[in-house]
mmCIF file of all heavy atoms, coordinates in Angstrom:
data_MODEL
# 
_entry.id   MODEL 
# 
loop_
_atom_site.group_PDB 
_atom_site.id 
_atom_site.type_symbol 
_atom_site.label_atom_id 
_atom_site.label_alt_id 
_atom_site.label_comp_id 
_atom_site.label_asym_id 
_atom_site.label_entity_id 
_atom_site.label_seq_id 
_atom_site.pdbx_PDB_ins_code 
_atom_site.Cartn_x 
_atom_site.Cartn_y 
_atom_site.Cartn_z 
_atom_site.occupancy 
_atom_site.B_iso_or_equiv 
_atom_site.pdbx_formal_charge 
_atom_site.auth_seq_id 
_atom_site.auth_comp_id 
_atom_site.auth_asym_id 
_atom_site.auth_atom_id 
_atom_site.pdbx_PDB_model_num 
ATOM 1   N N   . ARG A 1 1  ? -46.998 61.207 -18.836 1.00 0.00 ? 1  ARG A N   1 
ATOM 2   C CA  . ARG A 1 1  ? -47.809 62.108 -19.634 1.00 0.00 ? 1  ARG A CA  1 
ATOM 3   C C   . ARG A 1 1  ? -47.558 63.549 -19.211 1.00 0.00 ? 1  ARG A C   1 
ATOM 4   O O   . ARG A 1 1  ? -47.480 63.845 -18.013 1.00 0.00 ? 1  ARG A O   1 
ATOM 5   C CB  . ARG A 1 1  ? -49.293 61.771 -19.481 1.00 0.00 ? 1  ARG A CB  1 
ATOM 6   C CG  . ARG A 1 1  ? -49.654 60.376 -19.958 1.00 0.00 ? 1  ARG A CG  1 
ATOM 7   C CD  . ARG A 1 1  ? -51.100 60.025 -19.691 1.00 0.00 ? 1  ARG A CD  1 
ATOM 8   N NE  . ARG A 1 1  ? -51.411 59.980 -18.264 1.00 0.00 ? 1  ARG A NE  1 
ATOM 9   C CZ  . ARG A 1 1  ? -52.444 59.296 -17.755 1.00 0.00 ? 1  ARG A CZ  1 
ATOM 10  N NH1 . ARG A 1 1  ? -53.235 58.603 -18.567 1.00 0.00 ? 1  ARG A NH1 1 
ATOM 11  N NH2 . ARG A 1 1  ? -52.673 59.311 -16.455 1.00 0.00 ? 1  ARG A NH2 1 
ATOM 12  N N   . VAL A 1 2  ? -47.454 64.433 -20.179 1.00 0.00 ? 2  VAL A N   1 
ATOM 13  C CA  . VAL A 1 2  ? -47.271 65.855 -19.896 1.00 0.00 ? 2  VAL A CA  1 
ATOM 14  C C   . VAL A 1 2  ? -48.566 66.408 -19.325 1.00 0.00 ? 2  VAL A C   1 
ATOM 15  O O   . VAL A 1 2  ? -49.636 66.295 -19.945 1.00 0.00 ? 2  VAL A O   1 
ATOM 16  C CB  . VAL A 1 2  ? -46.867 66.621 -21.167 1.00 0.00 ? 2  VAL A CB  1 
ATOM 17  C CG1 . VAL A 1 2  ? -46.787 68.120 -20.889 1.00 0.00 ? 2  VAL A CG1 1 
ATOM 18  C CG2 . VAL A 1 2  ? -45.522 66.113 -21.688 1.00 0.00 ? 2  VAL A CG2 1 
ATOM 19  N N   . ARG A 1 3  ? -48.465 67.003 -18.154 1.00 0.00 ? 3  ARG A N   1 
ATOM 20  C CA  . ARG A 1 3  ? -49.652 67.539 -17.494 1.00 0.00 ? 3  ARG A CA  1 
ATOM 21  C C   . ARG A 1 3  ? -50.204 68.730 -18.280 1.00 0.00 ? 3  ARG A C   1 
ATOM 22  O O   . ARG A 1 3  ? -49.464 69.606 -18.707 1.00 0.00 ? 3  ARG A O   1 
ATOM 23  C CB  . ARG A 1 3  ? -49.317 67.969 -16.071 1.00 0.00 ? 3  ARG A CB  1 
ATOM 24  C CG  . ARG A 1 3  ? -48.908 66.814 -15.164 1.00 0.00 ? 3  ARG A CG  1 
ATOM 25  C CD  . ARG A 1 3  ? -48.587 67.299 -13.761 1.00 0.00 ? 3  ARG A CD  1 
ATOM 26  N NE  . ARG A 1 3  ? -48.118 66.218 -12.906 1.00 0.00 ? 3  ARG A NE  1 
ATOM 27  C CZ  . ARG A 1 3  ? -48.894 65.374 -12.234 1.00 0.00 ? 3  ARG A CZ  1 
ATOM 28  N NH1 . ARG A 1 3  ? -50.209 65.482 -12.328 1.00 0.00 ? 3  ARG A NH1 1 
ATOM 29  N NH2 . ARG A 1 3  ? -48.371 64.431 -11.467 1.00 0.00 ? 3  ARG A NH2 1 
ATOM 30  N N   . GLY A 1 4  ? -51.497 68.733 -18.481 1.00 0.00 ? 4  GLY A N   1 
ATOM 31  C CA  . GLY A 1 4  ? -52.160 69.836 -19.162 1.00 0.00 ? 4  GLY A CA  1 
ATOM 32  C C   . GLY A 1 4  ? -52.276 69.672 -20.655 1.00 0.00 ? 4  GLY A C   1 
ATOM 33  O O   . GLY A 1 4  ? -52.926 70.487 -21.318 1.00 0.00 ? 4  GLY A O   1 
ATOM 34  N N   . ILE A 1 5  ? -51.646 68.640 -21.218 1.00 0.00 ? 5  ILE A N   1 
ATOM 35  C CA  . ILE A 1 5  ? -51.694 68.393 -22.657 1.00 0.00 ? 5  ILE A CA  1 
ATOM 36  C C   . ILE A 1 5  ? -52.023 66.919 -22.878 1.00 0.00 ? 5  ILE A C   1 
ATOM 37  O O   . ILE A 1 5  ? -51.379 66.036 -22.305 1.00 0.00 ? 5  ILE A O   1 
ATOM 38  C CB  . ILE A 1 5  ? -50.352 68.722 -23.343 1.00 0.00 ? 5  ILE A CB  1 
ATOM 39  C CG1 . ILE A 1 5  ? -49.974 70.179 -23.120 1.00 0.00 ? 5  ILE A CG1 1 
ATOM 40  C CG2 . ILE A 1 5  ? -50.422 68.391 -24.833 1.00 0.00 ? 5  ILE A CG2 1 
ATOM 41  C CD1 . ILE A 1 5  ? -50.879 71.180 -23.810 1.00 0.00 ? 5  ILE A CD1 1 
ATOM 42  N N   . GLU A 1 6  ? -52.988 66.636 -23.711 1.00 0.00 ? 6  GLU A N   1 
ATOM 43  C CA  . GLU A 1 6  ? -53.326 65.254 -24.050 1.00 0.00 ? 6  GLU A CA  1 
ATOM 44  C C   . GLU A 1 6  ? -52.393 64.741 -25.150 1.00 0.00 ? 6  GLU A C   1 
ATOM 45  O O   . GLU A 1 6  ? -51.918 65.505 -25.992 1.00 0.00 ? 6  GLU A O   1 
ATOM 46  C CB  . GLU A 1 6  ? -54.777 65.162 -24.523 1.00 0.00 ? 6  GLU A CB  1 
ATOM 47  C CG  . GLU A 1 6  ? -55.812 65.531 -23.479 1.00 0.00 ? 6  GLU A CG  1 
ATOM 48  C CD  . GLU A 1 6  ? -55.856 64.521 -22.337 1.00 0.00 ? 6  GLU A CD  1 
ATOM 49  O OE1 . GLU A 1 6  ? -55.712 63.307 -22.622 1.00 0.00 ? 6  GLU A OE1 1 
ATOM 50  O OE2 . GLU A 1 6  ? -56.012 64.949 -21.179 1.00 0.00 ? 6  GLU A OE2 1 
ATOM 51  N N   . GLY A 1 7  ? -52.145 63.430 -25.140 1.00 0.00 ? 7  GLY A N   1 
ATOM 52  C CA  . GLY A 1 7  ? -51.430 62.792 -26.245 1.00 0.00 ? 7  GLY A CA  1 
ATOM 53  C C   . GLY A 1 7  ? -49.947 63.100 -26.331 1.00 0.00 ? 7  GLY A C   1 
ATOM 54  O O   . GLY A 1 7  ? -49.354 62.932 -27.399 1.00 0.00 ? 7  GLY A O   1 
ATOM 55  N N   . LEU A 1 8  ? -49.342 63.523 -25.223 1.00 0.00 ? 8  LEU A N   1 
ATOM 56  C CA  . LEU A 1 8  ? -47.917 63.876 -25.236 1.00 0.00 ? 8  LEU A CA  1 
ATOM 57  C C   . LEU A 1 8  ? -47.229 63.255 -24.029 1.00 0.00 ? 8  LEU A C   1 
ATOM 58  O O   . LEU A 1 8  ? -47.636 63.470 -22.878 1.00 0.00 ? 8  LEU A O   1 
ATOM 59  C CB  . LEU A 1 8  ? -47.751 65.397 -25.204 1.00 0.00 ? 8  LEU A CB  1 
ATOM 60  C CG  . LEU A 1 8  ? -46.325 65.949 -25.262 1.00 0.00 ? 8  LEU A CG  1 
ATOM 61  C CD1 . LEU A 1 8  ? -45.613 65.522 -26.541 1.00 0.00 ? 8  LEU A CD1 1 
ATOM 62  C CD2 . LEU A 1 8  ? -46.342 67.470 -25.146 1.00 0.00 ? 8  LEU A CD2 1 
ATOM 63  N N   . ARG A 1 9  ? -46.188 62.458 -24.297 1.00 0.00 ? 9  ARG A N   1 
ATOM 64  C CA  . ARG A 1 9  ? -45.400 61.837 -23.231 1.00 0.00 ? 9  ARG A CA  1 
ATOM 65  C C   . ARG A 1 9  ? -43.925 62.154 -23.423 1.00 0.00 ? 9  ARG A C   1 
ATOM 66  O O   . ARG A 1 9  ? -43.477 62.523 -24.508 1.00 0.00 ? 9  ARG A O   1 
ATOM 67  C CB  . ARG A 1 9  ? -45.577 60.319 -23.195 1.00 0.00 ? 9  ARG A CB  1 
ATOM 68  C CG  . ARG A 1 9  ? -46.994 59.874 -22.914 1.00 0.00 ? 9  ARG A CG  1 
ATOM 69  C CD  . ARG A 1 9  ? -47.082 58.402 -22.606 1.00 0.00 ? 9  ARG A CD  1 
ATOM 70  N NE  . ARG A 1 9  ? -48.398 57.887 -22.907 1.00 0.00 ? 9  ARG A NE  1 
ATOM 71  C CZ  . ARG A 1 9  ? -49.156 57.184 -22.080 1.00 0.00 ? 9  ARG A CZ  1 
ATOM 72  N NH1 . ARG A 1 9  ? -48.705 56.896 -20.872 1.00 0.00 ? 9  ARG A NH1 1 
ATOM 73  N NH2 . ARG A 1 9  ? -50.342 56.750 -22.445 1.00 0.00 ? 9  ARG A NH2 1 
ATOM 74  N N   . ILE A 1 10 ? -43.167 61.932 -22.346 1.00 0.00 ? 10 ILE A N   1 
ATOM 75  C CA  . ILE A 1 10 ? -41.710 62.078 -22.371 1.00 0.00 ? 10 ILE A CA  1 
ATOM 76  C C   . ILE A 1 10 ? -41.119 60.823 -21.772 1.00 0.00 ? 10 ILE A C   1 
ATOM 77  O O   . ILE A 1 10 ? -41.541 60.379 -20.688 1.00 0.00 ? 10 ILE A O   1 
ATOM 78  C CB  . ILE A 1 10 ? -41.261 63.315 -21.576 1.00 0.00 ? 10 ILE A CB  1 
ATOM 79  C CG1 . ILE A 1 10 ? -41.787 64.585 -22.249 1.00 0.00 ? 10 ILE A CG1 1 
ATOM 80  C CG2 . ILE A 1 10 ? -39.738 63.363 -21.451 1.00 0.00 ? 10 ILE A CG2 1 
ATOM 81  C CD1 . ILE A 1 10 ? -41.540 65.848 -21.450 1.00 0.00 ? 10 ILE A CD1 1 
ATOM 82  N N   . CYS A 1 11 ? -40.117 60.236 -22.459 1.00 0.00 ? 11 CYS A N   1 
ATOM 83  C CA  . CYS A 1 11 ? -39.584 58.967 -21.956 1.00 0.00 ? 11 CYS A CA  1 
ATOM 84  C C   . CYS A 1 11 ? -38.063 58.950 -21.864 1.00 0.00 ? 11 CYS A C   1 
ATOM 85  O O   . CYS A 1 11 ? -37.467 57.881 -21.707 1.00 0.00 ? 11 CYS A O   1 
ATOM 86  C CB  . CYS A 1 11 ? -40.067 57.799 -22.807 1.00 0.00 ? 11 CYS A CB  1 
ATOM 87  S SG  . CYS A 1 11 ? -39.319 57.697 -24.444 1.00 0.00 ? 11 CYS A SG  1 
ATOM 88  N N   . ASP A 1 12 ? -37.404 60.112 -21.955 1.00 0.00 ? 12 ASP A N   1 
ATOM 89  C CA  . ASP A 1 12 ? -35.951 60.122 -21.796 1.00 0.00 ? 12 ASP A CA  1 
ATOM 90  C C   . ASP A 1 12 ? -35.598 60.489 -20.356 1.00 0.00 ? 12 ASP A C   1 
ATOM 91  O O   . ASP A 1 12 ? -36.461 60.544 -19.483 1.00 0.00 ? 12 ASP A O   1 
ATOM 92  C CB  . ASP A 1 12 ? -35.302 61.070 -22.811 1.00 0.00 ? 12 ASP A CB  1 
ATOM 93  C CG  . ASP A 1 12 ? -35.820 62.502 -22.696 1.00 0.00 ? 12 ASP A CG  1 
ATOM 94  O OD1 . ASP A 1 12 ? -36.184 62.928 -21.592 1.00 0.00 ? 12 ASP A OD1 1 
ATOM 95  O OD2 . ASP A 1 12 ? -35.862 63.199 -23.729 1.00 0.00 ? 12 ASP A OD2 1 
ATOM 96  N N   . MET A 1 13 ? -34.310 60.763 -20.100 1.00 0.00 ? 13 MET A N   1 
ATOM 97  C CA  . MET A 1 13 ? -33.877 61.049 -18.734 1.00 0.00 ? 13 MET A CA  1 
ATOM 98  C C   . MET A 1 13 ? -34.394 62.383 -18.206 1.00 0.00 ? 13 MET A C   1 
ATOM 99  O O   . MET A 1 13 ? -34.245 62.675 -17.020 1.00 0.00 ? 13 MET A O   1 
ATOM 100 C CB  . MET A 1 13 ? -32.353 60.991 -18.639 1.00 0.00 ? 13 MET A CB  1 
ATOM 101 C CG  . MET A 1 13 ? -31.782 59.582 -18.695 1.00 0.00 ? 13 MET A CG  1 
ATOM 102 S SD  . MET A 1 13 ? -32.327 58.502 -17.335 1.00 0.00 ? 13 MET A SD  1 
ATOM 103 C CE  . MET A 1 13 ? -31.530 59.272 -15.926 1.00 0.00 ? 13 MET A CE  1 
ATOM 104 N N   . SER A 1 14 ? -35.039 63.175 -19.048 1.00 0.00 ? 14 SER A N   1 
ATOM 105 C CA  . SER A 1 14 ? -35.747 64.357 -18.549 1.00 0.00 ? 14 SER A CA  1 
ATOM 106 C C   . SER A 1 14 ? -36.790 63.978 -17.510 1.00 0.00 ? 14 SER A C   1 
ATOM 107 O O   . SER A 1 14 ? -37.095 64.749 -16.601 1.00 0.00 ? 14 SER A O   1 
ATOM 108 C CB  . SER A 1 14 ? -36.472 65.083 -19.693 1.00 0.00 ? 14 SER A CB  1 
ATOM 109 O OG  . SER A 1 14 ? -35.624 65.433 -20.733 1.00 0.00 ? 14 SER A OG  1 
ATOM 110 N N   . ALA A 1 15 ? -37.352 62.776 -17.671 1.00 0.00 ? 15 ALA A N   1 
ATOM 111 C CA  . ALA A 1 15 ? -38.539 62.399 -16.911 1.00 0.00 ? 15 ALA A CA  1 
ATOM 112 C C   . ALA A 1 15 ? -38.260 62.017 -15.460 1.00 0.00 ? 15 ALA A C   1 
ATOM 113 O O   . ALA A 1 15 ? -39.182 61.968 -14.649 1.00 0.00 ? 15 ALA A O   1 
ATOM 114 C CB  . ALA A 1 15 ? -39.236 61.226 -17.610 1.00 0.00 ? 15 ALA A CB  1 
ATOM 115 N N   . VAL A 1 16 ? -37.014 61.750 -15.106 1.00 0.00 ? 16 VAL A N   1 
ATOM 116 C CA  . VAL A 1 16 ? -36.755 61.163 -13.790 1.00 0.00 ? 16 VAL A CA  1 
ATOM 117 C C   . VAL A 1 16 ? -36.855 62.222 -12.698 1.00 0.00 ? 16 VAL A C   1 
ATOM 118 O O   . VAL A 1 16 ? -36.393 63.352 -12.872 1.00 0.00 ? 16 VAL A O   1 
ATOM 119 C CB  . VAL A 1 16 ? -35.375 60.464 -13.746 1.00 0.00 ? 16 VAL A CB  1 
ATOM 120 C CG1 . VAL A 1 16 ? -35.285 59.422 -14.850 1.00 0.00 ? 16 VAL A CG1 1 
ATOM 121 C CG2 . VAL A 1 16 ? -34.220 61.453 -13.875 1.00 0.00 ? 16 VAL A CG2 1 
ATOM 122 N N   . PRO A 1 17 ? -37.449 61.879 -11.545 1.00 0.00 ? 17 PRO A N   1 
ATOM 123 C CA  . PRO A 1 17 ? -37.520 62.844 -10.437 1.00 0.00 ? 17 PRO A CA  1 
ATOM 124 C C   . PRO A 1 17 ? -36.202 63.031 -9.714  1.00 0.00 ? 17 PRO A C   1 
ATOM 125 O O   . PRO A 1 17 ? -35.966 64.067 -9.101  1.00 0.00 ? 17 PRO A O   1 
ATOM 126 C CB  . PRO A 1 17 ? -38.581 62.234 -9.516  1.00 0.00 ? 17 PRO A CB  1 
ATOM 127 C CG  . PRO A 1 17 ? -38.617 60.787 -9.854  1.00 0.00 ? 17 PRO A CG  1 
ATOM 128 C CD  . PRO A 1 17 ? -38.237 60.671 -11.294 1.00 0.00 ? 17 PRO A CD  1 
ATOM 129 N N   . ASN A 1 18 ? -35.334 62.031 -9.789  1.00 0.00 ? 18 ASN A N   1 
ATOM 130 C CA  . ASN A 1 18 ? -33.981 62.138 -9.248  1.00 0.00 ? 18 ASN A CA  1 
ATOM 131 C C   . ASN A 1 18 ? -33.092 61.204 -10.049 1.00 0.00 ? 18 ASN A C   1 
ATOM 132 O O   . ASN A 1 18 ? -33.564 60.232 -10.639 1.00 0.00 ? 18 ASN A O   1 
ATOM 133 C CB  . ASN A 1 18 ? -33.938 61.774 -7.757  1.00 0.00 ? 18 ASN A CB  1 
ATOM 134 C CG  . ASN A 1 18 ? -32.686 62.281 -7.072  1.00 0.00 ? 18 ASN A CG  1 
ATOM 135 O OD1 . ASN A 1 18 ? -31.812 62.882 -7.693  1.00 0.00 ? 18 ASN A OD1 1 
ATOM 136 N ND2 . ASN A 1 18 ? -32.584 62.042 -5.774  1.00 0.00 ? 18 ASN A ND2 1 
ATOM 137 N N   . ILE A 1 19 ? -31.805 61.493 -10.057 1.00 0.00 ? 19 ILE A N   1 
ATOM 138 C CA  . ILE A 1 19 ? -30.888 60.710 -10.871 1.00 0.00 ? 19 ILE A CA  1 
ATOM 139 C C   . ILE A 1 19 ? -30.513 59.420 -10.153 1.00 0.00 ? 19 ILE A C   1 
ATOM 140 O O   . ILE A 1 19 ? -30.465 59.360 -8.926  1.00 0.00 ? 19 ILE A O   1 
ATOM 141 C CB  . ILE A 1 19 ? -29.634 61.549 -11.216 1.00 0.00 ? 19 ILE A CB  1 
ATOM 142 C CG1 . ILE A 1 19 ? -28.896 60.981 -12.434 1.00 0.00 ? 19 ILE A CG1 1 
ATOM 143 C CG2 . ILE A 1 19 ? -28.705 61.689 -10.017 1.00 0.00 ? 19 ILE A CG2 1 
ATOM 144 C CD1 . ILE A 1 19 ? -27.884 61.951 -13.028 1.00 0.00 ? 19 ILE A CD1 1 
ATOM 145 N N   . ASN A 1 20 ? -30.298 58.379 -10.924 1.00 0.00 ? 20 ASN A N   1 
ATOM 146 C CA  . ASN A 1 20 ? -29.868 57.101 -10.354 1.00 0.00 ? 20 ASN A CA  1 
ATOM 147 C C   . ASN A 1 20 ? -28.388 57.154 -9.995  1.00 0.00 ? 20 ASN A C   1 
ATOM 148 O O   . ASN A 1 20 ? -27.636 57.991 -10.493 1.00 0.00 ? 20 ASN A O   1 
ATOM 149 C CB  . ASN A 1 20 ? -30.115 55.961 -11.341 1.00 0.00 ? 20 ASN A CB  1 
ATOM 150 C CG  . ASN A 1 20 ? -29.394 56.181 -12.662 1.00 0.00 ? 20 ASN A CG  1 
ATOM 151 O OD1 . ASN A 1 20 ? -29.796 57.056 -13.425 1.00 0.00 ? 20 ASN A OD1 1 
ATOM 152 N ND2 . ASN A 1 20 ? -28.352 55.409 -12.931 1.00 0.00 ? 20 ASN A ND2 1 
ATOM 153 N N   . ALA A 1 21 ? -27.982 56.246 -9.127  1.00 0.00 ? 21 ALA A N   1 
ATOM 154 C CA  . ALA A 1 21 ? -26.582 56.177 -8.685  1.00 0.00 ? 21 ALA A CA  1 
ATOM 155 C C   . ALA A 1 21 ? -25.786 55.368 -9.693  1.00 0.00 ? 21 ALA A C   1 
ATOM 156 O O   . ALA A 1 21 ? -25.681 54.150 -9.591  1.00 0.00 ? 21 ALA A O   1 
ATOM 157 C CB  . ALA A 1 21 ? -26.493 55.550 -7.297  1.00 0.00 ? 21 ALA A CB  1 
ATOM 158 N N   . GLY A 1 22 ? -25.216 56.040 -10.684 1.00 0.00 ? 22 GLY A N   1 
ATOM 159 C CA  . GLY A 1 22 ? -24.433 55.350 -11.707 1.00 0.00 ? 22 GLY A CA  1 
ATOM 160 C C   . GLY A 1 22 ? -24.785 55.844 -13.092 1.00 0.00 ? 22 GLY A C   1 
ATOM 161 O O   . GLY A 1 22 ? -25.568 56.787 -13.274 1.00 0.00 ? 22 GLY A O   1 
ATOM 162 N N   . ASN A 1 23 ? -24.222 55.178 -14.096 1.00 0.00 ? 23 ASN A N   1 
ATOM 163 C CA  . ASN A 1 23 ? -24.427 55.570 -15.485 1.00 0.00 ? 23 ASN A CA  1 
ATOM 164 C C   . ASN A 1 23 ? -25.900 55.504 -15.858 1.00 0.00 ? 23 ASN A C   1 
ATOM 165 O O   . ASN A 1 23 ? -26.669 54.721 -15.292 1.00 0.00 ? 23 ASN A O   1 
ATOM 166 C CB  . ASN A 1 23 ? -23.613 54.662 -16.402 1.00 0.00 ? 23 ASN A CB  1 
ATOM 167 C CG  . ASN A 1 23 ? -22.139 54.671 -16.041 1.00 0.00 ? 23 ASN A CG  1 
ATOM 168 O OD1 . ASN A 1 23 ? -21.752 54.235 -14.956 1.00 0.00 ? 23 ASN A OD1 1 
ATOM 169 N ND2 . ASN A 1 23 ? -21.311 55.156 -16.933 1.00 0.00 ? 23 ASN A ND2 1 
ATOM 170 N N   . THR A 1 24 ? -26.295 56.323 -16.841 1.00 0.00 ? 24 THR A N   1 
ATOM 171 C CA  . THR A 1 24 ? -27.721 56.525 -17.097 1.00 0.00 ? 24 THR A CA  1 
ATOM 172 C C   . THR A 1 24 ? -28.237 55.912 -18.398 1.00 0.00 ? 24 THR A C   1 
ATOM 173 O O   . THR A 1 24 ? -29.422 56.022 -18.695 1.00 0.00 ? 24 THR A O   1 
ATOM 174 C CB  . THR A 1 24 ? -28.028 58.033 -17.122 1.00 0.00 ? 24 THR A CB  1 
ATOM 175 O OG1 . THR A 1 24 ? -27.186 58.685 -18.084 1.00 0.00 ? 24 THR A OG1 1 
ATOM 176 C CG2 . THR A 1 24 ? -27.808 58.650 -15.748 1.00 0.00 ? 24 THR A CG2 1 
ATOM 177 N N   . ASN A 1 25 ? -27.385 55.251 -19.189 1.00 0.00 ? 25 ASN A N   1 
ATOM 178 C CA  . ASN A 1 25 ? -27.865 54.737 -20.465 1.00 0.00 ? 25 ASN A CA  1 
ATOM 179 C C   . ASN A 1 25 ? -28.890 53.614 -20.289 1.00 0.00 ? 25 ASN A C   1 
ATOM 180 O O   . ASN A 1 25 ? -29.944 53.624 -20.935 1.00 0.00 ? 25 ASN A O   1 
ATOM 181 C CB  . ASN A 1 25 ? -26.702 54.241 -21.317 1.00 0.00 ? 25 ASN A CB  1 
ATOM 182 C CG  . ASN A 1 25 ? -27.147 53.898 -22.724 1.00 0.00 ? 25 ASN A CG  1 
ATOM 183 O OD1 . ASN A 1 25 ? -27.481 54.767 -23.512 1.00 0.00 ? 25 ASN A OD1 1 
ATOM 184 N ND2 . ASN A 1 25 ? -27.190 52.612 -23.041 1.00 0.00 ? 25 ASN A ND2 1 
ATOM 185 N N   . ALA A 1 26 ? -28.595 52.649 -19.435 1.00 0.00 ? 26 ALA A N   1 
ATOM 186 C CA  . ALA A 1 26 ? -29.547 51.558 -19.216 1.00 0.00 ? 26 ALA A CA  1 
ATOM 187 C C   . ALA A 1 26 ? -30.862 52.075 -18.622 1.00 0.00 ? 26 ALA A C   1 
ATOM 188 O O   . ALA A 1 26 ? -31.940 51.651 -19.064 1.00 0.00 ? 26 ALA A O   1 
ATOM 189 C CB  . ALA A 1 26 ? -28.930 50.476 -18.329 1.00 0.00 ? 26 ALA A CB  1 
# 
């Protein structure tokens, strides 16, 4: 959930705190 705003989420790779080791599609 986006902090400070109700009813808004983000679910793509923007959301990750750090990148995974490898390709990111899965």
